[in-house]
N, C-alpha and C. Protein backbone atom coordinates (compact mmCIF):
# COMPACT_ATOMS: atom_id res chain seq x y z
N MET A 1 91.17 -41.14 40.08
CA MET A 1 90.23 -42.11 39.47
C MET A 1 88.46 -41.51 40.01
N LYS A 2 88.83 -41.59 41.51
CA LYS A 2 87.60 -41.26 42.10
C LYS A 2 86.99 -39.33 41.26
N ARG A 3 88.18 -38.92 41.45
CA ARG A 3 87.87 -37.40 41.07
C ARG A 3 87.01 -37.88 39.51
N VAL A 4 87.65 -37.88 38.53
CA VAL A 4 87.30 -38.24 37.18
C VAL A 4 85.93 -38.80 37.27
N ASP A 5 85.82 -40.15 37.90
CA ASP A 5 84.24 -40.59 37.98
C ASP A 5 83.28 -39.25 38.32
N ASP A 6 84.02 -38.61 40.14
CA ASP A 6 82.85 -37.54 39.89
C ASP A 6 82.80 -36.60 38.93
N LEU A 7 83.23 -35.95 38.18
CA LEU A 7 83.04 -35.17 37.05
C LEU A 7 82.83 -36.08 35.92
N LYS A 8 82.34 -37.43 35.88
CA LYS A 8 81.61 -38.08 34.70
C LYS A 8 80.22 -38.04 35.23
N LYS A 9 79.73 -37.70 36.43
CA LYS A 9 78.95 -38.35 36.84
C LYS A 9 78.09 -36.40 36.90
N GLN A 10 79.01 -35.80 36.97
CA GLN A 10 78.74 -34.24 37.15
C GLN A 10 77.73 -33.42 35.53
N VAL A 11 78.95 -34.39 34.61
CA VAL A 11 78.44 -34.28 33.23
C VAL A 11 77.08 -34.92 32.77
N TYR A 12 76.94 -36.01 33.20
CA TYR A 12 75.27 -36.55 33.31
C TYR A 12 74.32 -35.79 34.05
N LEU A 13 74.54 -35.33 35.52
CA LEU A 13 73.79 -34.56 35.72
C LEU A 13 73.30 -33.13 35.13
N CYS A 14 74.25 -32.64 34.62
CA CYS A 14 73.90 -31.27 33.74
C CYS A 14 73.61 -31.82 32.50
N ASN A 15 73.54 -32.79 31.64
CA ASN A 15 72.99 -32.92 30.93
C ASN A 15 71.63 -33.22 31.08
N SER A 16 71.54 -33.63 32.28
CA SER A 16 70.00 -34.04 32.60
C SER A 16 69.21 -32.80 33.37
N HIS A 17 69.96 -32.39 33.59
CA HIS A 17 69.28 -30.92 33.97
C HIS A 17 68.80 -29.92 32.69
N GLU A 18 69.94 -30.10 31.88
CA GLU A 18 69.75 -29.35 30.50
C GLU A 18 68.13 -30.07 29.71
N GLU A 19 68.36 -30.83 29.41
CA GLU A 19 67.56 -31.54 28.72
C GLU A 19 65.51 -31.49 29.70
N ARG A 20 65.95 -31.65 30.75
CA ARG A 20 64.77 -31.03 31.87
C ARG A 20 64.24 -29.85 31.11
N LEU A 21 65.43 -28.95 31.67
CA LEU A 21 64.73 -27.76 31.69
C LEU A 21 63.70 -27.39 29.97
N LEU A 22 64.82 -28.20 28.96
CA LEU A 22 63.90 -27.83 27.49
C LEU A 22 62.58 -28.47 27.50
N SER A 23 62.90 -29.73 28.00
CA SER A 23 61.59 -30.10 27.75
C SER A 23 60.29 -29.58 28.69
N GLU A 24 60.49 -29.08 29.68
CA GLU A 24 59.53 -28.37 30.54
C GLU A 24 59.06 -27.16 30.19
N LEU A 25 59.98 -26.59 29.36
CA LEU A 25 60.03 -25.23 28.94
C LEU A 25 59.29 -25.74 27.16
N GLU A 26 59.22 -26.92 26.35
CA GLU A 26 58.42 -26.93 25.60
C GLU A 26 57.09 -27.57 25.87
N ALA A 27 57.02 -28.44 26.96
CA ALA A 27 55.86 -28.74 27.42
C ALA A 27 54.99 -27.31 27.81
N LEU A 28 55.60 -26.54 28.44
CA LEU A 28 54.92 -25.37 29.11
C LEU A 28 54.19 -24.82 27.69
N ASN A 29 55.28 -24.30 26.74
CA ASN A 29 55.07 -23.76 25.38
C ASN A 29 53.91 -24.43 24.89
N MET A 30 53.70 -25.55 24.78
CA MET A 30 52.43 -25.96 24.24
C MET A 30 51.46 -26.17 24.99
N ARG A 31 51.58 -25.87 26.49
CA ARG A 31 50.29 -26.17 26.87
C ARG A 31 49.93 -24.75 26.53
N ARG A 32 50.56 -23.86 26.56
CA ARG A 32 50.31 -22.07 26.41
C ARG A 32 49.71 -22.34 25.13
N ARG A 33 49.99 -23.14 23.88
CA ARG A 33 49.43 -22.51 22.72
C ARG A 33 48.20 -23.26 22.56
N LEU A 34 48.14 -24.19 23.22
CA LEU A 34 46.70 -24.99 23.76
C LEU A 34 45.74 -23.81 24.50
N ASN A 35 46.14 -23.41 25.40
CA ASN A 35 44.92 -22.53 25.85
C ASN A 35 45.03 -23.12 26.99
N MET A 36 45.87 -24.62 27.53
CA MET A 36 45.38 -24.82 28.64
C MET A 36 46.07 -24.09 29.96
N ILE A 37 46.90 -23.25 30.03
CA ILE A 37 47.52 -22.02 31.10
C ILE A 37 47.09 -20.89 30.88
N SER A 38 46.74 -20.17 31.80
CA SER A 38 46.53 -18.54 31.37
C SER A 38 48.06 -18.08 30.97
N LYS A 39 48.06 -16.61 30.31
CA LYS A 39 49.35 -15.82 29.76
C LYS A 39 50.17 -15.67 31.17
N LYS A 40 49.73 -15.43 32.13
CA LYS A 40 50.49 -15.04 33.54
C LYS A 40 50.90 -16.64 34.11
N GLN A 41 50.03 -17.27 34.32
CA GLN A 41 50.28 -18.63 34.67
C GLN A 41 51.90 -19.12 34.17
N TYR A 42 51.99 -19.30 32.64
CA TYR A 42 52.85 -19.13 31.82
C TYR A 42 54.21 -18.70 32.31
N LYS A 43 53.91 -17.06 31.78
CA LYS A 43 55.26 -16.38 32.57
C LYS A 43 55.70 -17.07 34.08
N ASN A 44 54.48 -17.27 35.22
CA ASN A 44 55.36 -17.33 36.24
C ASN A 44 55.77 -18.86 36.00
N HIS A 45 55.68 -19.37 35.59
CA HIS A 45 56.16 -21.11 35.78
C HIS A 45 57.37 -20.96 34.67
N VAL A 46 57.62 -19.95 33.52
CA VAL A 46 58.74 -19.62 32.87
C VAL A 46 59.97 -18.99 33.98
N ASN A 47 59.36 -18.15 34.24
CA ASN A 47 60.37 -17.66 35.45
C ASN A 47 60.68 -18.58 36.89
N ALA A 48 60.01 -18.94 36.99
CA ALA A 48 60.46 -20.14 38.12
C ALA A 48 61.57 -20.92 37.39
N LEU A 49 61.31 -21.54 35.99
CA LEU A 49 62.01 -22.44 35.62
C LEU A 49 63.42 -21.76 35.66
N LEU A 50 63.64 -20.26 34.61
CA LEU A 50 65.07 -19.45 34.38
C LEU A 50 65.63 -18.94 35.40
N LYS A 51 64.88 -18.64 36.77
CA LYS A 51 65.84 -18.00 37.41
C LYS A 51 66.00 -17.00 37.33
N GLY A 52 65.65 -16.24 36.58
CA GLY A 52 66.09 -15.04 36.27
C GLY A 52 67.30 -14.67 34.91
N ARG A 53 67.38 -16.22 34.61
CA ARG A 53 68.21 -16.06 33.22
C ARG A 53 67.15 -16.26 31.98
N ASN A 54 68.22 -16.31 30.93
CA ASN A 54 66.95 -16.83 29.19
C ASN A 54 67.70 -18.02 29.05
N VAL A 55 66.77 -18.82 28.05
CA VAL A 55 67.03 -19.88 27.72
C VAL A 55 68.70 -20.29 27.40
N ASP A 56 69.36 -19.30 26.34
CA ASP A 56 70.07 -18.99 25.98
C ASP A 56 71.13 -19.15 27.04
N ASP A 57 70.99 -18.63 28.07
CA ASP A 57 72.35 -18.42 29.15
C ASP A 57 72.17 -19.68 29.39
N TRP A 58 71.08 -20.99 30.35
CA TRP A 58 71.40 -21.53 30.77
C TRP A 58 72.12 -22.27 29.65
N ILE A 59 71.73 -22.59 28.36
CA ILE A 59 71.96 -23.51 27.71
C ILE A 59 73.99 -23.24 27.67
N GLN A 60 74.71 -21.92 27.37
CA GLN A 60 75.75 -21.78 27.59
C GLN A 60 76.35 -22.22 28.79
N TYR A 61 75.48 -21.72 29.58
CA TYR A 61 76.29 -22.49 31.44
C TYR A 61 76.16 -23.73 31.15
N TYR A 62 75.49 -24.35 31.00
CA TYR A 62 75.53 -25.95 30.87
C TYR A 62 76.46 -26.53 29.68
N LYS A 63 76.89 -25.80 29.03
CA LYS A 63 77.99 -25.97 28.07
C LYS A 63 79.45 -25.87 28.62
N ASP A 64 79.80 -24.34 29.44
CA ASP A 64 80.84 -24.43 29.40
C ASP A 64 81.32 -25.28 30.91
N TYR A 65 80.18 -25.29 31.32
CA TYR A 65 80.27 -26.48 32.77
C TYR A 65 80.95 -27.75 32.19
N LYS A 66 80.03 -27.95 31.32
CA LYS A 66 80.66 -29.81 30.88
C LYS A 66 81.67 -29.55 30.29
N GLY A 67 82.49 -28.51 29.08
CA GLY A 67 83.46 -28.32 29.09
C GLY A 67 84.94 -28.61 29.77
N GLU A 68 84.20 -27.71 31.34
CA GLU A 68 85.59 -27.67 32.10
C GLU A 68 85.56 -29.08 33.03
N CYS A 69 84.40 -29.44 32.69
CA CYS A 69 84.58 -31.05 33.43
C CYS A 69 85.23 -31.90 32.28
N PHE A 70 84.89 -31.66 31.23
CA PHE A 70 86.09 -32.63 29.72
C PHE A 70 87.11 -32.29 29.74
N LYS A 71 87.57 -31.08 30.29
CA LYS A 71 88.79 -30.52 30.22
C LYS A 71 89.89 -31.06 31.50
N VAL A 72 89.40 -31.08 32.57
CA VAL A 72 89.90 -31.83 33.57
C VAL A 72 90.11 -33.59 33.44
N ILE A 73 89.29 -34.09 32.71
CA ILE A 73 89.32 -35.47 32.41
C ILE A 73 89.97 -35.67 31.43
N GLN A 74 90.25 -34.79 30.47
CA GLN A 74 91.06 -35.23 29.70
C GLN A 74 92.56 -35.13 29.87
N GLU A 75 92.87 -34.21 30.71
CA GLU A 75 94.26 -33.78 31.69
C GLU A 75 94.51 -35.02 32.04
N ASP A 76 94.03 -35.73 33.30
CA ASP A 76 94.07 -36.65 33.82
C ASP A 76 94.56 -37.89 33.21
N ASP A 77 93.38 -37.95 31.60
CA ASP A 77 94.10 -39.57 30.85
C ASP A 77 95.07 -39.09 30.38
N SER A 78 95.56 -37.98 29.84
CA SER A 78 96.91 -37.59 29.29
C SER A 78 98.25 -37.50 30.69
N ASP A 79 97.64 -37.29 31.87
CA ASP A 79 98.53 -37.72 33.22
C ASP A 79 98.96 -39.25 32.93
N LYS A 80 97.96 -39.76 32.96
CA LYS A 80 98.24 -41.11 32.57
C LYS A 80 98.90 -41.87 31.68
N ASN A 81 98.22 -41.33 30.66
CA ASN A 81 99.49 -41.71 29.27
C ASN A 81 100.47 -41.26 29.35
N PHE A 82 101.13 -40.27 30.13
CA PHE A 82 102.64 -40.02 30.15
C PHE A 82 103.26 -40.76 31.44
N ARG A 83 102.23 -41.16 32.50
CA ARG A 83 103.25 -41.90 33.30
C ARG A 83 103.19 -43.42 32.86
N GLY A 84 102.16 -43.87 32.34
CA GLY A 84 102.38 -45.16 31.43
C GLY A 84 103.75 -44.86 30.75
N PHE A 85 103.79 -44.00 29.81
CA PHE A 85 105.04 -43.64 28.67
C PHE A 85 106.31 -43.78 29.98
N LEU A 86 106.28 -43.39 30.87
CA LEU A 86 107.43 -43.33 31.84
C LEU A 86 107.57 -44.61 32.47
N PHE A 87 106.96 -44.94 32.43
CA PHE A 87 107.27 -46.55 33.28
C PHE A 87 107.61 -47.35 32.36
N VAL A 88 106.85 -47.54 30.72
CA VAL A 88 107.42 -48.36 30.01
C VAL A 88 109.28 -47.95 30.22
N LEU A 89 109.13 -46.70 29.82
CA LEU A 89 110.33 -46.39 29.42
C LEU A 89 111.53 -46.54 30.48
N LEU A 90 111.44 -46.75 31.86
CA LEU A 90 111.72 -47.09 32.77
C LEU A 90 112.08 -48.62 32.84
N LEU A 91 111.31 -49.74 32.35
CA LEU A 91 111.33 -50.63 32.16
C LEU A 91 111.90 -51.36 30.95
N LEU A 92 112.19 -50.85 30.19
CA LEU A 92 113.13 -50.48 28.65
C LEU A 92 114.59 -50.31 29.42
N VAL A 93 114.85 -49.24 30.05
CA VAL A 93 116.06 -48.74 31.03
C VAL A 93 116.78 -50.00 31.47
N LEU A 94 115.99 -50.28 32.35
CA LEU A 94 116.57 -51.76 33.31
C LEU A 94 116.44 -52.96 32.78
N SER A 95 116.31 -53.00 31.57
CA SER A 95 116.00 -54.10 31.21
C SER A 95 117.19 -54.59 30.32
N VAL A 96 117.77 -53.54 29.55
CA VAL A 96 118.62 -52.87 28.91
C VAL A 96 120.35 -54.36 29.80
N PRO A 97 120.66 -54.08 30.68
CA PRO A 97 121.72 -54.85 31.29
C PRO A 97 121.42 -56.40 30.95
N PHE A 98 120.21 -57.17 31.35
CA PHE A 98 119.90 -58.60 31.03
C PHE A 98 120.11 -58.66 29.37
N VAL A 99 119.83 -57.58 28.62
CA VAL A 99 120.05 -57.96 27.46
C VAL A 99 121.15 -58.35 26.55
N MET A 100 121.99 -57.22 27.05
CA MET A 100 123.27 -57.13 26.45
C MET A 100 123.98 -58.18 27.43
N ASN A 101 125.63 -58.59 26.39
CA ASN A 101 126.38 -59.56 26.70
C ASN A 101 127.68 -58.85 26.78
N PHE A 102 128.59 -58.54 27.50
CA PHE A 102 129.67 -58.18 27.68
C PHE A 102 130.87 -58.75 27.36
N THR A 103 132.12 -58.16 27.01
CA THR A 103 133.38 -58.85 26.57
C THR A 103 134.20 -57.15 26.56
N GLY A 104 135.40 -57.40 27.47
CA GLY A 104 136.68 -56.46 27.20
C GLY A 104 137.08 -55.45 28.08
N LEU A 105 138.40 -54.86 28.52
CA LEU A 105 138.62 -54.36 29.71
C LEU A 105 140.21 -54.09 28.94
N SER A 106 140.99 -53.19 28.84
CA SER A 106 142.24 -52.50 28.79
C SER A 106 142.75 -51.76 29.95
N VAL A 107 144.54 -52.45 30.19
CA VAL A 107 145.11 -51.79 31.28
C VAL A 107 146.40 -50.83 30.36
N TYR A 108 147.00 -49.59 30.50
CA TYR A 108 148.02 -49.57 29.90
C TYR A 108 149.25 -48.61 31.09
N ASN A 109 149.07 -49.54 32.12
CA ASN A 109 150.07 -48.61 32.85
C ASN A 109 150.85 -49.67 33.68
N LYS A 110 151.63 -49.59 34.80
CA LYS A 110 152.70 -50.35 35.35
C LYS A 110 151.19 -51.47 36.39
N ASN A 111 150.48 -51.02 36.18
CA ASN A 111 149.38 -51.51 37.60
C ASN A 111 148.54 -52.06 36.61
N SER A 112 149.00 -52.63 35.44
CA SER A 112 148.00 -53.45 34.12
C SER A 112 148.69 -54.71 34.53
N ILE A 113 147.47 -55.35 34.46
CA ILE A 113 147.47 -57.10 33.70
C ILE A 113 146.96 -57.57 32.97
N SER A 114 147.73 -58.77 32.14
CA SER A 114 147.13 -58.96 30.89
C SER A 114 145.86 -60.06 31.08
N VAL A 115 145.16 -60.15 30.20
CA VAL A 115 143.68 -60.90 30.85
C VAL A 115 143.47 -61.14 29.53
N ASN A 116 142.85 -61.06 28.62
CA ASN A 116 142.55 -61.82 27.21
C ASN A 116 141.46 -62.73 27.57
N GLN A 117 140.21 -61.96 27.89
CA GLN A 117 139.11 -62.73 28.19
C GLN A 117 137.91 -62.00 27.70
N MET A 118 136.68 -62.70 27.07
CA MET A 118 135.71 -62.12 26.39
C MET A 118 134.56 -62.80 27.61
N VAL A 119 133.90 -61.73 28.17
CA VAL A 119 132.61 -62.48 29.34
C VAL A 119 131.43 -61.41 28.97
N SER A 120 130.46 -61.53 29.44
CA SER A 120 129.32 -61.50 29.63
C SER A 120 128.81 -60.29 30.34
N SER A 121 127.18 -60.09 29.62
CA SER A 121 126.98 -58.78 30.73
C SER A 121 126.48 -58.83 32.15
N ASP A 122 126.77 -60.09 32.13
CA ASP A 122 126.57 -60.57 33.76
C ASP A 122 128.16 -60.53 34.42
N ALA A 123 128.93 -60.25 34.20
CA ALA A 123 130.37 -60.51 34.26
C ALA A 123 130.51 -59.08 35.57
N TYR A 124 131.78 -59.57 36.59
CA TYR A 124 131.92 -58.26 36.95
C TYR A 124 133.39 -58.67 37.79
N LEU A 125 134.11 -57.36 38.39
CA LEU A 125 135.61 -57.48 39.03
C LEU A 125 135.04 -57.94 40.47
N LEU A 126 135.93 -58.92 40.93
CA LEU A 126 136.25 -58.82 42.00
C LEU A 126 137.60 -58.54 42.85
N ILE A 127 137.80 -57.41 43.27
CA ILE A 127 138.75 -56.21 43.50
C ILE A 127 139.23 -57.00 45.31
N ASP A 128 139.93 -57.64 45.40
CA ASP A 128 140.72 -57.89 46.94
C ASP A 128 138.78 -58.34 47.48
N GLY A 129 138.18 -58.98 46.38
CA GLY A 129 137.08 -59.51 47.20
C GLY A 129 135.14 -58.46 47.47
N VAL A 130 135.87 -57.17 47.10
CA VAL A 130 134.91 -56.33 46.72
C VAL A 130 134.44 -56.23 45.31
N ALA A 131 133.04 -56.54 44.85
CA ALA A 131 132.50 -56.63 43.36
C ALA A 131 132.95 -55.10 42.84
N GLN A 132 133.17 -54.62 41.60
CA GLN A 132 133.13 -53.91 40.84
C GLN A 132 132.68 -54.35 39.21
N PRO A 133 132.05 -52.80 39.11
CA PRO A 133 131.53 -53.26 37.48
C PRO A 133 132.85 -53.51 36.66
N ILE A 134 132.75 -54.08 35.08
CA ILE A 134 134.00 -53.96 34.62
C ILE A 134 134.00 -52.20 33.60
N PRO A 135 135.05 -51.44 33.31
CA PRO A 135 135.31 -50.44 33.04
C PRO A 135 135.82 -50.05 31.80
N LEU A 136 134.60 -50.95 31.37
CA LEU A 136 134.99 -51.08 29.69
C LEU A 136 133.74 -50.36 28.90
N GLN A 137 133.59 -50.16 27.51
CA GLN A 137 132.23 -49.93 27.11
C GLN A 137 131.77 -51.20 26.12
N PRO A 138 130.73 -51.71 26.30
CA PRO A 138 130.63 -52.82 25.89
C PRO A 138 130.74 -52.89 23.99
N GLU A 139 131.39 -54.06 23.24
CA GLU A 139 131.20 -54.51 22.06
C GLU A 139 130.43 -55.20 21.26
N LEU A 140 129.79 -54.97 20.22
CA LEU A 140 129.11 -55.89 19.21
C LEU A 140 129.81 -57.05 18.95
N VAL A 141 130.23 -58.22 18.82
CA VAL A 141 130.67 -59.15 18.42
C VAL A 141 129.65 -60.36 18.12
N ASN A 142 129.57 -60.87 17.17
CA ASN A 142 128.66 -61.86 16.28
C ASN A 142 127.51 -61.61 16.98
N GLY A 143 126.87 -60.40 16.99
CA GLY A 143 125.60 -60.32 17.29
C GLY A 143 125.21 -59.97 18.72
N ASN A 144 125.90 -60.28 19.62
CA ASN A 144 126.33 -60.05 20.93
C ASN A 144 126.91 -59.01 21.44
N TYR A 145 126.68 -58.05 22.44
CA TYR A 145 127.24 -57.47 23.57
C TYR A 145 128.31 -57.89 24.27
N VAL A 146 129.29 -57.54 24.09
CA VAL A 146 130.49 -58.69 25.14
C VAL A 146 131.47 -57.83 25.23
N TYR A 147 132.26 -58.07 26.69
CA TYR A 147 133.26 -57.18 27.00
C TYR A 147 134.46 -58.23 26.60
N ASN A 148 135.49 -57.34 25.67
CA ASN A 148 136.47 -58.11 25.49
C ASN A 148 137.61 -57.70 25.70
N ILE A 149 137.79 -58.12 27.06
CA ILE A 149 139.09 -57.89 28.45
C ILE A 149 140.68 -58.27 27.66
N LYS A 150 141.20 -57.26 26.87
CA LYS A 150 142.57 -57.54 27.19
C LYS A 150 143.73 -57.46 27.93
N THR A 151 143.31 -56.30 29.02
CA THR A 151 144.22 -55.78 30.08
C THR A 151 143.65 -55.29 31.14
N LEU A 152 143.87 -55.09 32.29
CA LEU A 152 142.65 -54.51 33.43
C LEU A 152 144.27 -53.68 33.94
N ASN A 153 143.38 -52.16 34.39
CA ASN A 153 144.52 -51.38 35.07
C ASN A 153 143.69 -51.31 36.70
N ILE A 154 144.83 -51.96 37.37
CA ILE A 154 144.10 -52.11 38.56
C ILE A 154 144.69 -51.06 39.71
N PRO A 155 144.19 -50.82 40.97
CA PRO A 155 144.90 -49.97 41.81
C PRO A 155 145.74 -50.39 42.17
N GLU A 156 146.96 -49.41 43.39
CA GLU A 156 147.82 -50.03 43.97
C GLU A 156 147.37 -50.59 45.38
N ASN A 157 148.51 -51.41 45.37
CA ASN A 157 147.99 -52.19 47.08
C ASN A 157 146.79 -53.31 46.45
N VAL A 158 146.75 -53.86 45.49
CA VAL A 158 145.38 -54.65 45.78
C VAL A 158 146.41 -55.83 45.77
N LYS A 159 145.85 -56.77 46.17
CA LYS A 159 146.52 -58.30 46.71
C LYS A 159 145.65 -59.28 45.35
N GLU A 160 144.45 -58.80 44.78
CA GLU A 160 144.01 -60.29 44.36
C GLU A 160 143.05 -59.58 43.20
N VAL A 161 142.81 -60.11 41.98
CA VAL A 161 141.68 -59.49 40.97
C VAL A 161 141.06 -60.95 40.01
N LYS A 162 139.54 -60.85 40.72
CA LYS A 162 139.09 -62.24 39.87
C LYS A 162 137.92 -61.55 38.88
N ILE A 163 137.90 -62.55 37.99
CA ILE A 163 136.56 -61.71 37.24
C ILE A 163 135.50 -62.43 37.14
N MET A 164 134.14 -62.99 37.67
CA MET A 164 133.42 -63.50 37.76
C MET A 164 132.16 -63.13 36.58
N ASP A 165 132.07 -64.37 36.04
CA ASP A 165 131.15 -64.15 34.85
C ASP A 165 129.87 -65.36 35.21
N ASN A 166 128.60 -65.50 35.22
CA ASN A 166 127.39 -65.92 35.71
C ASN A 166 128.22 -66.94 36.84
N ASP A 167 128.58 -66.20 37.64
CA ASP A 167 128.69 -66.92 38.93
C ASP A 167 129.99 -67.87 38.88
N GLN A 168 130.55 -67.94 37.95
CA GLN A 168 131.77 -68.52 37.94
C GLN A 168 132.92 -67.75 38.08
N ILE A 169 134.44 -68.23 38.34
CA ILE A 169 135.62 -67.32 38.41
C ILE A 169 135.76 -67.79 36.75
N VAL A 170 136.14 -66.89 35.99
CA VAL A 170 136.63 -66.71 34.84
C VAL A 170 138.36 -66.38 34.40
N PHE A 171 138.40 -65.42 35.69
CA PHE A 171 139.95 -65.08 35.36
C PHE A 171 140.40 -64.74 37.15
N SER A 172 141.25 -65.62 37.61
CA SER A 172 142.06 -65.01 39.04
C SER A 172 143.71 -65.08 38.91
N LYS A 173 143.94 -63.40 39.85
CA LYS A 173 145.52 -63.53 39.44
C LYS A 173 145.76 -62.92 40.81
N GLU A 174 146.70 -63.32 41.34
CA GLU A 174 147.59 -62.72 42.87
C GLU A 174 148.01 -61.53 42.42
N ILE A 175 148.57 -60.86 43.21
CA ILE A 175 149.36 -59.58 42.74
C ILE A 175 150.25 -59.56 43.86
């Protein structure tokens, strides 16, 4: 931000210098036309103002300098826009689990247990007291995303499985 403010000040100063140069040259030209100064005085003042360059060189110099400043300012604005986009995208990605409701889980081997329970997106498994995510893809049911758990596939040597939904036990099974 400080860099952009500095660049904006530089552009302002550049505009001021350019305007001052042109107005002083115009004043010198007017004074020369009105014979208020001699030709020699006119040339000395012009040479002092232009410092070895001509007017077109100075105008091009100011134009190029302001262009570089505006380029950096625009790049900074683009970076801000991109960072803002990424921030909004991150918020959307992080908010998806809170919007969705989940139901469902299936198990097809000897370590499977029958559940037949629908649970929301807040639901999770407790396997021997350790919280685990529900290993299913959500389904859209009546306009809500839910997990429709029919069976659970559990690891060997598990003693107890619970399903917690909104801080309540909705299923419990000792094995």
